[in-house]
Amino acid sequence: MQSHNRSLRNAFCLISSRRHSLHSTFSLNAMKGALHSYVFYGFKRIMQQAPYFVLPFGVGYGLIAWAKSKNAYYNSKAGHLAHGHDE
């Protein structure tokens, strides 16, 4: 039984050593430092791109808020009376 386990262990080591020998050390550590880089430079990148997503979002939010309040006024009793929609 022990010889069987030893042969399986040797086969696994052979397969794993072949697998690692096909890759360079750079491809094995492709994401090394990615989180560190994002922590230090991610905020800067986001702030550089902020005008391109914050301003359109703010304009759209303001437009929707204005339209909802205008719609609520038009559908109220005061809106109907002010604009001649008497029933």
N, C-alpha and C. Protein backbone atom coordinates (compact mmCIF):
# COMPACT_ATOMS: atom_id res chain seq x y z
N MET A 1 0.82 -1.19 0.00
CA MET A 1 0.00 0.00 0.00
C MET A 1 0.86 1.25 0.00
N GLN A 2 1.96 1.21 0.78
CA GLN A 2 2.81 2.39 0.83
C GLN A 2 3.52 2.62 -0.51
N SER A 3 3.87 1.58 -1.18
CA SER A 3 4.53 1.75 -2.48
C SER A 3 3.54 2.35 -3.48
N HIS A 4 2.28 2.00 -3.36
CA HIS A 4 1.26 2.57 -4.24
C HIS A 4 1.12 4.07 -3.99
N ASN A 5 1.05 4.48 -2.71
CA ASN A 5 0.97 5.90 -2.37
C ASN A 5 2.22 6.66 -2.83
N ARG A 6 3.37 6.02 -2.69
CA ARG A 6 4.61 6.66 -3.09
C ARG A 6 4.63 6.87 -4.61
N SER A 7 4.14 5.88 -5.36
CA SER A 7 4.14 6.03 -6.81
C SER A 7 3.14 7.11 -7.25
N LEU A 8 2.01 7.22 -6.55
CA LEU A 8 1.07 8.28 -6.87
C LEU A 8 1.67 9.65 -6.55
N ARG A 9 2.35 9.74 -5.43
CA ARG A 9 2.98 10.99 -5.04
C ARG A 9 4.05 11.38 -6.05
N ASN A 10 4.84 10.41 -6.50
CA ASN A 10 5.88 10.69 -7.50
C ASN A 10 5.25 11.11 -8.82
N ALA A 11 4.16 10.49 -9.19
CA ALA A 11 3.49 10.87 -10.44
C ALA A 11 2.93 12.29 -10.34
N PHE A 12 2.37 12.62 -9.19
CA PHE A 12 1.83 13.97 -9.02
C PHE A 12 2.95 15.01 -9.06
N CYS A 13 4.07 14.70 -8.42
CA CYS A 13 5.20 15.63 -8.44
C CYS A 13 5.74 15.79 -9.85
N LEU A 14 5.77 14.74 -10.61
CA LEU A 14 6.24 14.81 -11.97
C LEU A 14 5.32 15.68 -12.82
N ILE A 15 4.01 15.49 -12.66
CA ILE A 15 3.04 16.29 -13.41
C ILE A 15 3.12 17.75 -13.00
N SER A 16 3.17 18.01 -11.71
CA SER A 16 3.20 19.39 -11.25
C SER A 16 4.51 20.07 -11.64
N SER A 17 5.63 19.34 -11.63
CA SER A 17 6.89 19.97 -12.02
C SER A 17 6.89 20.27 -13.51
N ARG A 18 6.26 19.43 -14.31
CA ARG A 18 6.15 19.72 -15.75
C ARG A 18 5.26 20.92 -15.98
N ARG A 19 4.21 21.03 -15.23
CA ARG A 19 3.28 22.14 -15.40
C ARG A 19 3.98 23.46 -15.08
N HIS A 20 4.75 23.50 -14.01
CA HIS A 20 5.41 24.74 -13.63
C HIS A 20 6.59 25.06 -14.52
N SER A 21 7.19 24.07 -15.11
CA SER A 21 8.34 24.35 -15.96
C SER A 21 7.93 24.98 -17.28
N LEU A 22 6.66 24.89 -17.65
CA LEU A 22 6.20 25.48 -18.90
C LEU A 22 5.93 26.98 -18.77
N HIS A 23 5.87 27.50 -17.57
CA HIS A 23 5.56 28.91 -17.36
C HIS A 23 6.80 29.65 -16.87
N SER A 24 6.90 30.89 -17.29
CA SER A 24 7.97 31.71 -16.74
C SER A 24 7.52 32.26 -15.40
N THR A 25 8.45 32.80 -14.66
CA THR A 25 8.11 33.37 -13.35
C THR A 25 7.26 34.61 -13.51
N PHE A 26 7.36 35.31 -14.64
CA PHE A 26 6.54 36.50 -14.85
C PHE A 26 5.08 36.15 -15.08
N SER A 27 4.82 35.07 -15.81
CA SER A 27 3.43 34.69 -16.05
C SER A 27 2.79 34.10 -14.81
N LEU A 28 3.56 33.52 -13.90
CA LEU A 28 3.00 32.99 -12.67
C LEU A 28 2.63 34.12 -11.71
N ASN A 29 3.30 35.26 -11.79
CA ASN A 29 3.04 36.39 -10.91
C ASN A 29 2.45 37.55 -11.69
N ALA A 30 1.49 37.28 -12.54
CA ALA A 30 0.93 38.32 -13.40
C ALA A 30 0.20 39.39 -12.60
N MET A 31 -0.45 39.03 -11.52
CA MET A 31 -1.22 39.99 -10.72
C MET A 31 -0.46 40.49 -9.50
N LYS A 32 0.83 40.22 -9.45
CA LYS A 32 1.62 40.66 -8.29
C LYS A 32 1.65 42.19 -8.27
N GLY A 33 1.25 42.76 -7.16
CA GLY A 33 1.27 44.20 -7.00
C GLY A 33 0.05 44.92 -7.54
N ALA A 34 -0.93 44.20 -8.05
CA ALA A 34 -2.10 44.85 -8.64
C ALA A 34 -2.92 45.57 -7.58
N LEU A 35 -3.14 44.97 -6.45
CA LEU A 35 -3.92 45.61 -5.39
C LEU A 35 -3.16 46.80 -4.82
N HIS A 36 -1.88 46.66 -4.63
CA HIS A 36 -1.05 47.76 -4.14
C HIS A 36 -1.09 48.94 -5.12
N SER A 37 -1.02 48.65 -6.39
CA SER A 37 -1.06 49.70 -7.40
C SER A 37 -2.42 50.38 -7.41
N TYR A 38 -3.50 49.60 -7.26
CA TYR A 38 -4.82 50.21 -7.27
C TYR A 38 -5.03 51.11 -6.05
N VAL A 39 -4.54 50.70 -4.90
CA VAL A 39 -4.72 51.50 -3.69
C VAL A 39 -4.06 52.87 -3.87
N PHE A 40 -2.89 52.90 -4.47
CA PHE A 40 -2.16 54.16 -4.58
C PHE A 40 -2.53 54.97 -5.81
N TYR A 41 -2.88 54.33 -6.90
CA TYR A 41 -3.16 55.06 -8.12
C TYR A 41 -4.62 55.01 -8.55
N GLY A 42 -5.41 54.15 -7.95
CA GLY A 42 -6.81 54.02 -8.34
C GLY A 42 -7.62 55.26 -8.05
N PHE A 43 -7.40 55.88 -6.90
CA PHE A 43 -8.14 57.09 -6.55
C PHE A 43 -7.81 58.21 -7.53
N LYS A 44 -6.55 58.32 -7.90
CA LYS A 44 -6.14 59.34 -8.87
C LYS A 44 -6.83 59.10 -10.21
N ARG A 45 -6.89 57.86 -10.66
CA ARG A 45 -7.53 57.53 -11.93
C ARG A 45 -9.02 57.82 -11.89
N ILE A 46 -9.66 57.48 -10.78
CA ILE A 46 -11.10 57.73 -10.66
C ILE A 46 -11.37 59.23 -10.66
N MET A 47 -10.57 60.00 -9.96
CA MET A 47 -10.78 61.45 -9.92
C MET A 47 -10.53 62.11 -11.27
N GLN A 48 -9.63 61.55 -12.06
CA GLN A 48 -9.41 62.08 -13.40
C GLN A 48 -10.60 61.80 -14.32
N GLN A 49 -11.29 60.71 -14.09
CA GLN A 49 -12.43 60.35 -14.93
C GLN A 49 -13.76 60.84 -14.37
N ALA A 50 -13.76 61.41 -13.17
CA ALA A 50 -15.00 61.81 -12.51
C ALA A 50 -15.85 62.78 -13.33
N PRO A 51 -15.29 63.79 -13.99
CA PRO A 51 -16.15 64.69 -14.76
C PRO A 51 -16.94 63.98 -15.85
N TYR A 52 -16.44 62.87 -16.34
CA TYR A 52 -17.11 62.17 -17.43
C TYR A 52 -18.26 61.29 -16.96
N PHE A 53 -18.35 60.99 -15.66
CA PHE A 53 -19.51 60.21 -15.20
C PHE A 53 -20.29 60.93 -14.11
N VAL A 54 -19.69 61.86 -13.36
CA VAL A 54 -20.41 62.55 -12.31
C VAL A 54 -21.32 63.63 -12.89
N LEU A 55 -20.82 64.43 -13.82
CA LEU A 55 -21.64 65.49 -14.40
C LEU A 55 -22.86 64.96 -15.16
N PRO A 56 -22.72 63.98 -16.05
CA PRO A 56 -23.91 63.44 -16.70
C PRO A 56 -24.90 62.80 -15.72
N PHE A 57 -24.37 62.12 -14.71
CA PHE A 57 -25.25 61.53 -13.70
C PHE A 57 -26.00 62.62 -12.95
N GLY A 58 -25.31 63.71 -12.57
CA GLY A 58 -25.96 64.81 -11.86
C GLY A 58 -27.01 65.50 -12.71
N VAL A 59 -26.71 65.72 -13.98
CA VAL A 59 -27.69 66.34 -14.88
C VAL A 59 -28.89 65.44 -15.05
N GLY A 60 -28.67 64.17 -15.25
CA GLY A 60 -29.78 63.23 -15.41
C GLY A 60 -30.63 63.12 -14.15
N TYR A 61 -29.98 63.08 -13.00
CA TYR A 61 -30.71 63.00 -11.74
C TYR A 61 -31.54 64.27 -11.52
N GLY A 62 -30.95 65.44 -11.82
CA GLY A 62 -31.68 66.70 -11.68
C GLY A 62 -32.87 66.76 -12.63
N LEU A 63 -32.68 66.30 -13.86
CA LEU A 63 -33.77 66.29 -14.84
C LEU A 63 -34.91 65.38 -14.39
N ILE A 64 -34.60 64.21 -13.90
CA ILE A 64 -35.64 63.28 -13.44
C ILE A 64 -36.36 63.84 -12.22
N ALA A 65 -35.61 64.44 -11.29
CA ALA A 65 -36.24 65.02 -10.09
C ALA A 65 -37.17 66.17 -10.48
N TRP A 66 -36.72 67.02 -11.42
CA TRP A 66 -37.56 68.13 -11.88
C TRP A 66 -38.82 67.59 -12.57
N ALA A 67 -38.68 66.59 -13.42
CA ALA A 67 -39.82 66.04 -14.16
C ALA A 67 -40.82 65.38 -13.21
N LYS A 68 -40.32 64.68 -12.19
CA LYS A 68 -41.25 64.04 -11.24
C LYS A 68 -42.04 65.08 -10.45
N SER A 69 -41.35 66.15 -10.01
CA SER A 69 -42.09 67.18 -9.26
C SER A 69 -43.07 67.92 -10.16
N LYS A 70 -42.69 68.18 -11.41
CA LYS A 70 -43.59 68.86 -12.35
C LYS A 70 -44.79 67.96 -12.65
N ASN A 71 -44.58 66.68 -12.81
CA ASN A 71 -45.67 65.74 -13.06
C ASN A 71 -46.60 65.66 -11.86
N ALA A 72 -46.02 65.65 -10.66
CA ALA A 72 -46.86 65.62 -9.46
C ALA A 72 -47.71 66.89 -9.37
N TYR A 73 -47.14 68.04 -9.73
CA TYR A 73 -47.92 69.29 -9.71
C TYR A 73 -49.03 69.26 -10.76
N TYR A 74 -48.70 68.82 -11.98
CA TYR A 74 -49.71 68.78 -13.04
C TYR A 74 -50.86 67.84 -12.70
N ASN A 75 -50.60 66.77 -11.97
CA ASN A 75 -51.64 65.82 -11.63
C ASN A 75 -52.31 66.13 -10.30
N SER A 76 -51.94 67.24 -9.66
CA SER A 76 -52.60 67.62 -8.41
C SER A 76 -53.80 68.51 -8.72
N LYS A 77 -54.60 68.75 -7.69
CA LYS A 77 -55.77 69.60 -7.84
C LYS A 77 -55.36 71.02 -8.23
N ALA A 78 -54.30 71.53 -7.61
CA ALA A 78 -53.84 72.89 -7.93
C ALA A 78 -53.36 72.98 -9.38
N GLY A 79 -52.68 71.97 -9.86
CA GLY A 79 -52.22 71.96 -11.25
C GLY A 79 -53.36 71.91 -12.23
N HIS A 80 -54.39 71.14 -11.92
CA HIS A 80 -55.56 71.07 -12.80
C HIS A 80 -56.28 72.41 -12.84
N LEU A 81 -56.42 73.05 -11.69
CA LEU A 81 -57.09 74.35 -11.66
C LEU A 81 -56.28 75.43 -12.35
N ALA A 82 -54.96 75.40 -12.19
CA ALA A 82 -54.10 76.43 -12.79
C ALA A 82 -54.03 76.33 -14.30
N HIS A 83 -54.17 75.15 -14.84
CA HIS A 83 -54.02 74.97 -16.28
C HIS A 83 -55.33 74.68 -16.99
N GLY A 84 -56.45 74.91 -16.32
CA GLY A 84 -57.75 74.80 -16.96
C GLY A 84 -58.22 73.41 -17.26
N HIS A 85 -57.79 72.45 -16.51
CA HIS A 85 -58.27 71.07 -16.71
C HIS A 85 -59.39 70.76 -15.73
N ASP A 86 -60.41 71.55 -15.77
CA ASP A 86 -61.53 71.32 -14.86
C ASP A 86 -62.34 70.12 -15.31
N GLU A 87 -62.75 69.37 -14.35
CA GLU A 87 -63.56 68.20 -14.67
C GLU A 87 -64.95 68.35 -14.12
